[in-house]
Structures are given as C-alpha cells and as structure tokens.
Amino acid sequence: MNKVFKIPASSPTKLTTLEILKERLKPLVGAEFILSGKSRTDGSNLRKLIASRLEEFPLPKAAIEGEYEIVPPKKKGIPKIVREFIDTYIVTSGKTYNLQVWNRIPSSQTLLIKYESGEILKCNDVRFILTKIDVENKKIASIIIATPKYIVEKFGVFGKPTIKHQLLISTKIREKIYASDDKIMFFKDSKKLSYLICHDFEPPKHNMTEEAKSNEILSIELIKILVAEKLIGYKIPANATKNRGQALEKKVLELLDYPLTNQELLHGGFPDIPNQLLEVKVQDTQTVDLGKFSPEKEEVIIKDLHITTFDIRYLIALTNPKTEIIEGIILSPGEKLGDVFSYVSDQSYKCQRSIPMDFFEKHTGKVVINPD
C-alpha cells in the first residue's frame, strides 16, 4: 500500500464523502479475490486492493507534518488507511460475522488525530468497509460502508474486555497549563449536572461518602475557587503513589470543609468523594490510572439522578516528581477529558460485535452505505 495513505487528510472536512466512496468502490464488486487461508495476509491484500482503487482518484489533500498530532501512543487504534480514515474487513462464511476492532472503542468520542487548527478526528469518525467474499466463486460479493454509530444502532453496542484504562496527558499540554495565568485547565459542568448543582457554598450537610443529592452538589466553578486555586503550590506529603492520592484526597476534603473523624478511612470507591461527584487524581508522569470506571465510555453511576461517568468531575493534580509540589490542575467533567487528552490501555485489546451473515447476503452485488 502506498505510504501516502499513512498521512492524514489536511482536515476532517476534506475526507471523501461516503457517497463518493460508494461510487468509487462499485467496480470491485464481482472482482476476483482469492483467499489464502491466512487472515493477516487476506486482510492486507484486501486493504491494498481498496487503497489502489481509491488511488485512481484524487486523494484528500495531505496534512503537513507539524500541523497535526497522532494522539494514541504507538498509533494504537488508528485506522489502517489514515488518509481516508478507513478500516477494511473481510467477511467470508458462517451464520454470523464477528467484527473485531482493535485498540479503540468504536463508537466513543476519544481523540485519535488532533489538528493545530483545533479540528479533531475521533473513534466514531472511522469509516468501516466490510467486504463480503463469495468463497466458492472467489469473488467480491458485496461491500458495505458503515459508520460506528450505525453498527451500534443496528446491532447493539460493542462488547469490551476488562482492561486497565489510562489517560494520557502530553508534555505539551502540561506545559501549556503551567504557562497559563492560573495554571488550571478548567471545563464547566455537564449540561445534565448543571440542573442539580448549587452555586453558593454552604458547609456539607452529609458525610463525604453519602450519595450526592440534588442542589447540594457544589458547582465545578465553586470547586475551582475553593479547592483547585488553593492547591497550586501545595506539596503532597507522601511517597508511594497510593498514599499520595490519599493525602491529596484528604486535603481536598479539608478545603471543602468535610469533617474527617478518622483520617485513615477514606471512601476507596468511585468517585473518591461521592457526595460531590468528585474523583481526585495525582499525576507526575504522562499517564493517569483511571481504575474500574473510565469516562471514555458512558456508564451510569447513580441511577436515581442518572449520573454517569460523563458527569463525574475529575480533579487531576499535576505534580513535580522531584519536589511533589502541585504545579498545575485539570478540573473537568468526564465528558470533556476525551476532547483534550487521549485514553490508552496498558495492553492491546479488541472490541467485538456479532453481525448476522444474512445482513451481508441480502446486499449481494451491491455497494451500500448504512443500509436499512
């Protein structure tokens, strides 16, 4: 495959539309395709075939080096045909087809490519080209162009293995925070939470471990004033990572005026401070361990208020690893973290979605887009 396909388009708006892709791929239906029996070889051959077809037409203008950033480390989760933001898949035989997507949650809004212009390409922007092979006749039977949103709505959510999630905060963003006037990167509360918060401080009425209640949740703006601004320059008095996290959590509780009768007994669940929907993290390397829950994927945390991982507020203290002094703060609802930072895993993983084979068979002889 031509190396030009490894370079992103100059802008998401320059990607070839799905309708035009459909027209360009039509001649491949009925074309010979001989399976080798080796999945990697067959996948590579199909990718090269589709790329060579696309190369017969003007490709989107290439991005200039330095004007974009591939966000995931080692380019994990980036589609193979980057220029058109496409991943290709071979469908053969059987009762169902198991669509496997590696190292990204397909329907999530996690950043994959970030442009200097502020434009972004996310996981849910990747286009799938699903190619059905007539095994007996050794020909391409049909091509289905599908979006992640369509697949989820048509067949259900992708399954996801349990993995250790991390948030990657680049040196560039860290330095940008340090250079800002207040040394705080701040985002407002989620729209849903904005109807449940209070904007005037009153001493806590409940224990920090009690479930959050409507109109008793401090706004994130108040938390910025009461906590974040006062933490800049604070030295965390602990060594081990876990102890440092607990030390910071205690300091946050103190600033919020929560009584701690036993300084050793903290909540230990998610979020760290349930009464304020606040998760507290310490970060002195590039990665932040997120634990059991990750705001990369929306999950309900409090059923009564329908609070999800997108609504939980994250306070991430950026510390100097040598001095343990907090030099910057990130204060954000979970839904905004993926707009600026990248979610990564400590291992390769795959998300899977089973699709009935008759879905492909009823489109034999065609190239279709998100078919009904």
Protein backbone atom coordinates (compact mmCIF):
# COMPACT_ATOMS: atom_id res chain seq x y z
CA MET A 1 0.00 0.00 0.00
CA ASN A 2 1.25 3.46 -0.91
CA LYS A 3 2.81 5.31 2.02
CA VAL A 4 0.67 8.37 1.27
CA PHE A 5 -2.24 6.56 2.92
CA LYS A 6 -0.39 6.78 6.26
CA ILE A 7 -0.64 10.59 6.22
CA PRO A 8 -3.91 12.11 7.48
CA ALA A 9 -6.04 14.40 5.36
CA SER A 10 -5.35 18.11 5.88
CA SER A 11 -8.76 18.45 7.56
CA PRO A 12 -11.66 16.17 8.54
CA THR A 13 -13.76 18.17 6.07
CA LYS A 14 -11.51 17.03 3.21
CA LEU A 15 -12.30 13.32 3.65
CA THR A 16 -14.08 11.79 0.68
CA THR A 17 -17.81 11.53 1.38
CA LEU A 18 -19.43 8.14 1.86
CA GLU A 19 -21.49 8.60 -1.32
CA ILE A 20 -18.39 9.21 -3.42
CA LEU A 21 -16.59 6.28 -1.78
CA LYS A 22 -19.55 4.13 -2.72
CA GLU A 23 -19.30 5.09 -6.39
CA ARG A 24 -15.54 4.57 -6.48
CA LEU A 25 -15.75 1.10 -4.95
CA LYS A 26 -18.55 -0.21 -7.18
CA PRO A 27 -16.17 -1.74 -9.80
CA LEU A 28 -14.69 -4.01 -7.09
CA VAL A 29 -17.96 -5.95 -6.73
CA GLY A 30 -17.55 -9.10 -8.81
CA ALA A 31 -13.76 -8.74 -8.92
CA GLU A 32 -11.67 -11.82 -8.25
CA PHE A 33 -10.42 -12.26 -4.70
CA ILE A 34 -8.68 -15.49 -3.76
CA LEU A 35 -8.39 -16.24 -0.07
CA SER A 36 -5.04 -17.57 1.12
CA GLY A 37 -6.43 -19.02 4.34
CA LYS A 38 -4.20 -16.70 6.39
CA SER A 39 -6.28 -13.93 7.95
CA ARG A 40 -3.48 -11.35 8.12
CA THR A 41 -2.45 -11.94 4.51
CA ASP A 42 -6.03 -11.78 3.28
CA GLY A 43 -6.67 -8.62 5.30
CA SER A 44 -3.56 -6.97 3.90
CA ASN A 45 -4.46 -7.98 0.33
CA LEU A 46 -7.96 -6.53 0.66
CA ARG A 47 -6.61 -3.31 2.13
CA LYS A 48 -4.15 -2.95 -0.75
CA LEU A 49 -6.91 -3.63 -3.29
CA ILE A 50 -9.19 -0.96 -1.84
CA ALA A 51 -6.31 1.51 -1.47
CA SER A 52 -5.23 1.00 -5.09
CA ARG A 53 -8.80 1.65 -6.23
CA LEU A 54 -9.01 4.86 -4.21
CA GLU A 55 -5.63 5.91 -5.58
CA GLU A 56 -7.11 6.06 -9.08
CA PHE A 57 -8.86 9.25 -7.95
CA PRO A 58 -7.60 12.46 -6.30
CA LEU A 59 -6.98 11.77 -2.61
CA PRO A 60 -7.77 14.31 0.09
CA LYS A 61 -5.03 16.88 0.45
CA ALA A 62 -2.35 15.62 2.86
CA ALA A 63 -1.78 17.26 6.22
CA ILE A 64 1.59 18.96 6.68
CA GLU A 65 3.91 17.50 9.29
CA GLY A 66 3.75 19.57 12.46
CA GLU A 67 0.16 20.66 11.82
CA TYR A 68 -1.38 17.53 13.30
CA GLU A 69 -0.76 15.08 16.12
CA ILE A 70 -1.44 11.34 16.23
CA VAL A 71 -2.76 11.16 19.79
CA PRO A 72 -2.60 7.47 20.88
CA PRO A 73 0.89 6.17 21.79
CA LYS A 74 2.37 3.88 19.11
CA LYS A 75 -0.61 4.88 16.92
CA LYS A 76 -2.78 2.27 18.66
CA GLY A 77 -6.34 2.33 17.35
CA ILE A 78 -5.57 4.48 14.30
CA PRO A 79 -7.32 3.12 11.16
CA LYS A 80 -5.04 1.47 8.61
CA ILE A 81 -5.98 3.78 5.72
CA VAL A 82 -5.41 7.00 7.62
CA ARG A 83 -5.78 9.35 4.64
CA GLU A 84 -9.47 8.43 4.25
CA PHE A 85 -9.92 7.36 7.91
CA ILE A 86 -10.94 3.87 6.82
CA ASP A 87 -10.57 0.37 8.23
CA THR A 88 -11.30 -2.62 6.00
CA TYR A 89 -12.69 -6.02 6.99
CA ILE A 90 -13.18 -9.36 5.22
CA VAL A 91 -16.47 -11.23 5.65
CA THR A 92 -16.47 -14.85 4.48
CA SER A 93 -18.92 -17.55 5.61
CA GLY A 94 -20.85 -18.88 8.56
CA LYS A 95 -24.05 -17.88 10.36
CA THR A 96 -22.58 -14.71 11.88
CA TYR A 97 -19.66 -12.38 11.29
CA ASN A 98 -17.62 -11.25 14.28
CA LEU A 99 -16.47 -7.66 13.68
CA GLN A 100 -13.30 -7.06 15.69
CA VAL A 101 -11.91 -3.57 16.26
CA TRP A 102 -8.50 -3.33 17.89
CA ASN A 103 -7.36 -0.78 20.49
CA ARG A 104 -10.28 1.63 20.35
CA ILE A 105 -13.91 1.74 21.44
CA PRO A 106 -15.50 2.25 18.02
CA SER A 107 -18.47 4.42 18.99
CA SER A 108 -16.59 6.57 21.53
CA GLN A 109 -15.53 10.18 21.06
CA THR A 110 -11.95 9.50 22.03
CA LEU A 111 -9.38 11.60 20.17
CA LEU A 112 -7.28 9.89 17.51
CA ILE A 113 -5.94 12.84 15.50
CA LYS A 114 -5.73 16.43 16.63
CA TYR A 115 -5.00 19.32 14.26
CA GLU A 116 -3.34 22.62 15.09
CA SER A 117 -6.48 24.28 13.69
CA GLY A 118 -8.46 22.76 16.57
CA GLU A 119 -10.18 20.20 14.34
CA ILE A 120 -10.23 16.59 15.53
CA LEU A 121 -10.87 13.06 14.33
CA LYS A 122 -12.33 10.64 16.86
CA CYS A 123 -13.00 6.93 17.15
CA ASN A 124 -16.57 7.36 15.97
CA ASP A 125 -15.34 9.11 12.81
CA VAL A 126 -13.66 5.97 11.43
CA ARG A 127 -15.42 4.53 8.38
CA PHE A 128 -15.76 0.71 8.11
CA ILE A 129 -15.58 -1.02 4.73
CA LEU A 130 -16.98 -4.54 5.18
CA THR A 131 -16.26 -6.70 2.13
CA LYS A 132 -18.21 -9.94 1.66
CA ILE A 133 -16.27 -12.60 -0.24
CA ASP A 134 -18.04 -15.31 -2.21
CA VAL A 135 -15.74 -18.13 -1.09
CA GLU A 136 -16.98 -20.62 -3.67
CA ASN A 137 -16.66 -18.32 -6.69
CA LYS A 138 -13.61 -16.48 -5.32
CA LYS A 139 -15.11 -13.07 -5.96
CA ILE A 140 -16.15 -9.97 -4.02
CA ALA A 141 -19.89 -10.39 -3.47
CA SER A 142 -20.74 -7.05 -1.82
CA ILE A 143 -19.30 -4.07 0.01
CA ILE A 144 -20.98 -2.39 2.96
CA ILE A 145 -19.75 1.02 4.09
CA ALA A 146 -20.79 1.55 7.70
CA THR A 147 -20.24 4.04 10.50
CA PRO A 148 -19.74 3.02 14.16
CA LYS A 149 -22.98 4.78 15.11
CA TYR A 150 -24.91 2.77 12.54
CA ILE A 151 -23.44 -0.55 13.71
CA VAL A 152 -24.34 0.18 17.33
CA GLU A 153 -27.88 1.30 16.47
CA LYS A 154 -28.44 -1.65 14.11
CA PHE A 155 -26.78 -4.50 16.02
CA GLY A 156 -26.11 -3.23 19.56
CA VAL A 157 -23.09 -1.97 21.45
CA PHE A 158 -19.63 -3.42 21.01
CA GLY A 159 -18.50 -5.79 23.73
CA LYS A 160 -15.36 -4.68 25.53
CA PRO A 161 -12.95 -6.75 27.59
CA THR A 162 -11.99 -5.60 31.06
CA ILE A 163 -8.78 -3.63 30.65
CA LYS A 164 -6.80 -1.16 32.69
CA HIS A 165 -7.58 2.28 31.30
CA GLN A 166 -5.27 5.23 31.49
CA LEU A 167 -5.48 8.88 30.48
CA LEU A 168 -2.50 10.27 28.60
CA ILE A 169 -1.56 13.89 29.36
CA SER A 170 1.13 15.00 26.96
CA THR A 171 4.11 17.12 27.96
CA LYS A 172 2.90 19.77 25.51
CA ILE A 173 -0.48 20.13 27.25
CA ARG A 174 1.14 20.07 30.69
CA GLU A 175 3.47 22.91 29.71
CA LYS A 176 0.51 24.84 28.31
CA ILE A 177 -1.25 24.55 31.67
CA TYR A 178 1.88 25.67 33.54
CA ALA A 179 2.17 28.71 31.26
CA SER A 180 -1.45 29.82 31.83
CA ASP A 181 -2.24 32.62 34.28
CA ASP A 182 -3.94 30.49 36.94
CA LYS A 183 -2.23 27.19 35.97
CA ILE A 184 -5.63 25.47 35.78
CA MET A 185 -7.28 23.79 32.80
CA PHE A 186 -10.98 24.12 33.52
CA PHE A 187 -14.25 22.99 31.92
CA LYS A 188 -17.80 23.68 33.08
CA ASP A 189 -20.13 21.02 34.47
CA SER A 190 -22.04 18.76 32.10
CA LYS A 191 -25.41 20.08 30.97
CA LYS A 192 -27.23 17.41 32.96
CA LEU A 193 -25.39 18.26 36.16
CA SER A 194 -25.97 21.99 35.69
CA TYR A 195 -29.59 21.45 36.81
CA LEU A 196 -28.54 19.72 40.05
CA ILE A 197 -25.75 21.95 41.38
CA CYS A 198 -25.65 24.89 43.77
CA HIS A 199 -23.54 28.00 43.23
CA ASP A 200 -23.24 29.25 46.81
CA PHE A 201 -21.07 27.47 49.35
CA GLU A 202 -22.58 26.02 52.48
CA PRO A 203 -20.81 23.60 54.87
CA PRO A 204 -21.55 19.98 53.93
CA LYS A 205 -24.78 18.56 55.37
CA HIS A 206 -23.76 14.96 54.85
CA ASN A 207 -20.75 12.70 55.13
CA MET A 208 -18.45 12.70 52.10
CA THR A 209 -19.34 9.03 51.43
CA GLU A 210 -23.08 9.68 51.14
CA GLU A 211 -24.68 9.70 47.72
CA ALA A 212 -24.89 13.09 46.05
CA LYS A 213 -28.21 14.93 46.34
CA SER A 214 -29.78 17.48 44.03
CA ASN A 215 -28.98 21.11 44.92
CA GLU A 216 -26.32 20.03 47.42
CA ILE A 217 -23.64 19.39 44.78
CA LEU A 218 -21.20 22.28 44.56
CA SER A 219 -20.74 23.67 41.07
CA ILE A 220 -17.40 22.98 39.44
CA GLU A 221 -16.80 26.74 39.42
CA LEU A 222 -17.02 26.72 43.23
CA ILE A 223 -14.68 23.73 43.44
CA LYS A 224 -12.22 25.67 41.29
CA ILE A 225 -12.23 28.59 43.73
CA LEU A 226 -12.39 26.59 46.95
CA VAL A 227 -10.00 23.79 46.00
CA ALA A 228 -8.13 24.00 42.71
CA GLU A 229 -6.78 27.52 43.12
CA LYS A 230 -5.60 26.75 46.67
CA LEU A 231 -3.83 23.55 45.64
CA ILE A 232 -1.39 25.31 43.31
CA GLY A 233 1.96 25.29 45.11
CA TYR A 234 0.81 22.71 47.68
CA LYS A 235 3.30 19.93 48.49
CA ILE A 236 1.79 16.46 48.81
CA PRO A 237 3.30 14.90 51.97
CA ALA A 238 3.69 11.26 50.87
CA ASN A 239 5.91 8.97 48.80
CA ALA A 240 4.01 5.95 47.48
CA THR A 241 1.56 6.70 44.68
CA LYS A 242 -1.45 5.36 46.61
CA ASN A 243 -0.51 7.33 49.74
CA ARG A 244 -0.03 10.47 47.69
CA GLY A 245 -3.50 10.04 46.25
CA GLN A 246 -4.97 9.63 49.72
CA ALA A 247 -3.04 12.64 51.01
CA LEU A 248 -4.42 14.78 48.20
CA GLU A 249 -7.94 13.48 48.79
CA LYS A 250 -7.71 14.44 52.48
CA LYS A 251 -6.53 17.92 51.54
CA VAL A 252 -9.45 18.33 49.13
CA LEU A 253 -11.91 17.24 51.85
CA GLU A 254 -10.34 19.74 54.22
CA LEU A 255 -10.75 22.56 51.69
CA LEU A 256 -14.38 21.55 51.17
CA ASP A 257 -14.93 21.66 54.95
CA TYR A 258 -15.74 17.95 55.36
CA PRO A 259 -15.00 16.60 58.85
CA LEU A 260 -12.68 13.59 58.92
CA THR A 261 -13.03 11.81 62.22
CA ASN A 262 -10.68 9.05 61.11
CA GLN A 263 -8.01 10.36 58.76
CA GLU A 264 -7.18 6.85 57.60
CA LEU A 265 -10.66 5.84 56.49
CA LEU A 266 -11.39 7.23 53.05
CA HIS A 267 -14.10 6.03 50.71
CA GLY A 268 -11.97 3.99 48.30
CA GLY A 269 -14.72 3.71 45.68
CA PHE A 270 -15.75 5.70 42.64
CA PRO A 271 -15.84 8.60 42.72
CA ASP A 272 -13.44 9.33 45.58
CA ILE A 273 -15.80 11.90 47.08
CA PRO A 274 -19.31 10.60 46.23
CA ASN A 275 -21.14 13.45 47.96
CA GLN A 276 -19.61 15.89 45.45
CA LEU A 277 -19.24 13.56 42.46
CA LEU A 278 -15.53 14.29 42.58
CA GLU A 279 -12.70 11.97 41.53
CA VAL A 280 -9.21 13.03 42.68
CA LYS A 281 -6.01 12.02 40.89
CA VAL A 282 -2.29 12.73 41.24
CA GLN A 283 -0.17 12.78 38.07
CA ASP A 284 3.56 13.29 37.70
CA THR A 285 4.11 11.08 34.63
CA GLN A 286 2.32 11.11 31.27
CA THR A 287 -0.39 8.66 32.32
CA VAL A 288 -3.17 8.74 34.90
CA ASP A 289 -4.60 5.38 36.02
CA LEU A 290 -8.40 5.57 35.83
CA GLY A 291 -9.28 2.35 37.65
CA LYS A 292 -12.57 0.50 37.30
CA PHE A 293 -14.52 3.28 35.57
CA SER A 294 -13.42 5.39 32.64
CA PRO A 295 -15.23 8.43 31.18
CA GLU A 296 -14.19 7.16 27.75
CA LYS A 297 -17.42 5.15 27.88
CA GLU A 298 -20.64 6.43 29.46
CA GLU A 299 -21.79 4.26 32.35
CA VAL A 300 -24.48 5.05 34.92
CA ILE A 301 -23.07 5.69 38.41
CA ILE A 302 -26.16 6.96 40.29
CA LYS A 303 -29.41 5.55 38.90
CA ASP A 304 -31.84 7.92 40.67
CA LEU A 305 -30.22 11.05 39.23
CA HIS A 306 -28.98 9.23 36.12
CA ILE A 307 -25.47 10.44 36.84
CA THR A 308 -22.91 8.84 34.53
CA THR A 309 -19.14 8.77 34.11
CA PHE A 310 -19.57 11.78 31.80
CA ASP A 311 -20.92 13.87 34.71
CA ILE A 312 -18.33 12.94 37.34
CA ARG A 313 -15.87 15.80 37.97
CA TYR A 314 -12.16 14.98 37.73
CA LEU A 315 -9.56 16.95 39.67
CA ILE A 316 -6.12 15.95 38.43
CA ALA A 317 -3.14 17.45 40.24
CA LEU A 318 -0.05 17.83 38.05
CA THR A 319 2.90 17.45 40.38
CA ASN A 320 6.62 17.92 40.01
CA PRO A 321 8.04 14.40 40.55
CA LYS A 322 11.14 15.81 42.28
CA THR A 323 9.50 18.25 44.68
CA GLU A 324 5.97 16.71 44.89
CA ILE A 325 4.63 20.24 44.59
CA ILE A 326 1.40 20.73 42.61
CA GLU A 327 2.27 22.95 39.64
CA GLY A 328 -0.98 22.68 37.70
CA ILE A 329 -4.57 21.42 37.93
CA ILE A 330 -7.03 19.87 35.49
CA LEU A 331 -10.64 20.27 36.64
CA SER A 332 -13.16 18.81 34.23
CA PRO A 333 -16.29 16.69 33.89
CA GLY A 334 -15.57 13.26 32.45
CA GLU A 335 -17.27 14.08 29.15
CA LYS A 336 -14.65 16.73 28.30
CA LEU A 337 -11.49 14.76 29.08
CA GLY A 338 -11.55 12.96 25.74
CA ASP A 339 -11.69 16.29 23.87
CA VAL A 340 -8.21 17.21 25.07
CA PHE A 341 -6.48 14.06 26.25
CA SER A 342 -6.14 10.53 24.93
CA TYR A 343 -7.37 7.32 26.53
CA VAL A 344 -4.92 4.46 26.31
CA SER A 345 -4.66 0.91 27.57
CA ASP A 346 -1.71 -0.87 29.11
CA GLN A 347 -2.29 -3.72 26.69
CA SER A 348 -3.72 -4.41 23.25
CA TYR A 349 -7.42 -5.21 23.29
CA LYS A 350 -10.30 -5.68 20.90
CA CYS A 351 -13.96 -4.69 20.86
CA GLN A 352 -16.29 -7.13 19.13
CA ARG A 353 -19.77 -7.05 17.60
CA SER A 354 -21.58 -10.05 16.15
CA ILE A 355 -23.46 -9.38 12.87
CA PRO A 356 -25.84 -11.93 11.26
CA MET A 357 -24.49 -13.22 7.93
CA ASP A 358 -27.83 -12.71 6.18
CA PHE A 359 -27.29 -8.96 6.62
CA PHE A 360 -24.45 -9.21 4.12
CA GLU A 361 -26.09 -11.74 1.84
CA LYS A 362 -29.16 -9.62 1.15
CA HIS A 363 -26.90 -6.93 -0.33
CA THR A 364 -25.12 -9.25 -2.77
CA GLY A 365 -23.98 -7.48 -5.91
CA LYS A 366 -24.12 -4.02 -4.34
CA VAL A 367 -22.12 -1.36 -2.56
CA VAL A 368 -24.32 0.15 0.15
CA ILE A 369 -23.98 2.75 2.93
CA ASN A 370 -25.54 2.10 6.35
CA PRO A 371 -28.36 0.06 4.78
CA ASP A 372 -31.79 -0.21 6.39
